[in-house]
Amino acid sequence: MESIAWMAWTLPTAIFFAALACTLAVMTWLAAVYPEAERIGVLRIPTTRGDRLFISLIAAAVIHLAWIGLVGTEAIATLPVGEEGFEISSLWLASGISLVTAALIFRTV
């Protein structure tokens, strides 16, 4: 574990990488079971599931960077867990917005 000690592994970071790994596994399974077919959406270009996933990930990165720049990462609540409590960052709201954006991208693009 010391080989990755240089990175600041926090709960949101771990959740992000776990969700990304699960997403890639599901996309791989979907590609094997249900072959992809290109479709044309609001962008008027043919896109596959992988294209829409890539657009969603780029949009999530932009949303999070904009959120950090405009709103910050202040705690919005503290859960009564343990002696000091567990702070919930406002970045969770940006994550929720990113999930809604990804759903819209997969439905319309």
Protein backbone atom coordinates (compact mmCIF):
# COMPACT_ATOMS: atom_id res chain seq x y z
CA MET A 1 0.00 0.00 0.00
CA GLU A 2 2.98 2.30 0.41
CA SER A 3 3.50 2.40 -3.36
CA ILE A 4 0.35 4.52 -3.72
CA ALA A 5 0.76 6.51 -0.50
CA TRP A 6 1.71 9.60 -2.53
CA MET A 7 -1.93 10.05 -3.59
CA ALA A 8 -4.46 11.54 -1.23
CA TRP A 9 -7.04 8.77 -1.23
CA THR A 10 -10.25 10.17 0.16
CA LEU A 11 -13.71 8.62 0.19
CA PRO A 12 -14.95 10.66 -2.81
CA THR A 13 -11.80 9.74 -4.77
CA ALA A 14 -12.23 6.06 -4.01
CA ILE A 15 -15.93 6.17 -4.89
CA PHE A 16 -15.14 7.93 -8.18
CA PHE A 17 -12.57 5.35 -9.27
CA ALA A 18 -14.78 2.44 -8.17
CA ALA A 19 -17.74 3.89 -10.08
CA LEU A 20 -15.56 4.46 -13.15
CA ALA A 21 -14.30 0.85 -13.05
CA CYS A 22 -17.87 -0.46 -12.66
CA THR A 23 -19.06 1.75 -15.53
CA LEU A 24 -16.33 0.45 -17.83
CA ALA A 25 -17.14 -3.14 -16.84
CA VAL A 26 -20.84 -2.62 -17.56
CA MET A 27 -20.09 -0.92 -20.89
CA THR A 28 -17.84 -3.85 -21.86
CA TRP A 29 -20.54 -6.34 -20.92
CA LEU A 30 -23.19 -4.37 -22.85
CA ALA A 31 -20.96 -4.27 -25.94
CA ALA A 32 -20.53 -8.05 -25.79
CA VAL A 33 -24.18 -8.91 -25.13
CA TYR A 34 -25.90 -6.14 -27.12
CA PRO A 35 -23.78 -4.99 -30.07
CA GLU A 36 -23.64 -1.24 -30.48
CA ALA A 37 -25.53 0.58 -33.18
CA GLU A 38 -24.74 4.17 -34.05
CA ARG A 39 -27.56 6.64 -33.67
CA ILE A 40 -27.96 10.29 -34.52
CA GLY A 41 -29.18 12.59 -31.75
CA VAL A 42 -29.28 16.32 -31.12
CA LEU A 43 -25.64 16.76 -32.15
CA ARG A 44 -26.51 15.45 -35.64
CA ILE A 45 -23.48 13.14 -35.65
CA PRO A 46 -23.52 9.35 -35.33
CA THR A 47 -22.60 8.30 -31.78
CA THR A 48 -22.20 4.96 -30.01
CA ARG A 49 -22.56 4.15 -26.31
CA GLY A 50 -18.84 4.65 -25.87
CA ASP A 51 -19.00 8.09 -27.50
CA ARG A 52 -21.84 9.13 -25.21
CA LEU A 53 -19.91 7.82 -22.17
CA PHE A 54 -16.86 9.85 -23.21
CA ILE A 55 -18.97 13.00 -23.67
CA SER A 56 -20.56 12.38 -20.26
CA LEU A 57 -17.17 12.01 -18.54
CA ILE A 58 -15.86 15.21 -20.16
CA ALA A 59 -19.05 17.03 -19.11
CA ALA A 60 -18.66 15.74 -15.54
CA ALA A 61 -15.08 17.01 -15.41
CA VAL A 62 -16.16 20.44 -16.66
CA ILE A 63 -19.08 20.57 -14.20
CA HIS A 64 -16.82 19.66 -11.26
CA LEU A 65 -14.10 22.14 -12.22
CA ALA A 66 -16.66 24.90 -12.68
CA TRP A 67 -18.25 23.98 -9.34
CA ILE A 68 -14.90 24.14 -7.54
CA GLY A 69 -14.10 27.47 -9.20
CA LEU A 70 -17.48 29.10 -8.59
CA VAL A 71 -18.85 27.49 -5.43
CA GLY A 72 -15.90 25.83 -3.71
CA THR A 73 -15.73 22.66 -1.68
CA GLU A 74 -17.13 23.81 1.64
CA ALA A 75 -19.02 21.34 3.79
CA ILE A 76 -22.78 21.66 3.47
CA ALA A 77 -23.67 19.28 6.31
CA THR A 78 -22.08 17.19 9.03
CA LEU A 79 -23.36 13.72 9.80
CA PRO A 80 -23.19 12.68 13.45
CA VAL A 81 -20.78 9.80 12.91
CA GLY A 82 -17.95 9.32 15.38
CA GLU A 83 -16.59 11.97 17.68
CA GLU A 84 -15.97 14.68 15.09
CA GLY A 85 -18.74 13.83 12.63
CA PHE A 86 -18.56 13.23 8.89
CA GLU A 87 -18.63 16.33 6.70
CA ILE A 88 -20.48 16.22 3.39
CA SER A 89 -18.82 18.35 0.73
CA SER A 90 -20.76 20.49 -1.72
CA LEU A 91 -19.03 18.48 -4.48
CA TRP A 92 -21.70 15.82 -3.95
CA LEU A 93 -24.17 18.29 -5.47
CA ALA A 94 -21.89 18.64 -8.50
CA SER A 95 -21.80 14.85 -8.73
CA GLY A 96 -25.59 14.73 -8.72
CA ILE A 97 -25.73 17.34 -11.47
CA SER A 98 -23.18 15.29 -13.43
CA LEU A 99 -25.29 12.14 -13.13
CA VAL A 100 -28.39 13.96 -14.39
CA THR A 101 -26.33 15.43 -17.24
CA ALA A 102 -25.01 11.97 -18.14
CA ALA A 103 -28.56 10.57 -18.22
CA LEU A 104 -29.62 13.40 -20.54
CA ILE A 105 -26.60 12.84 -22.78
CA PHE A 106 -27.32 9.12 -23.08
CA ARG A 107 -30.97 9.83 -23.91
CA THR A 108 -30.54 12.69 -26.39
CA VAL A 109 -27.06 12.65 -27.96
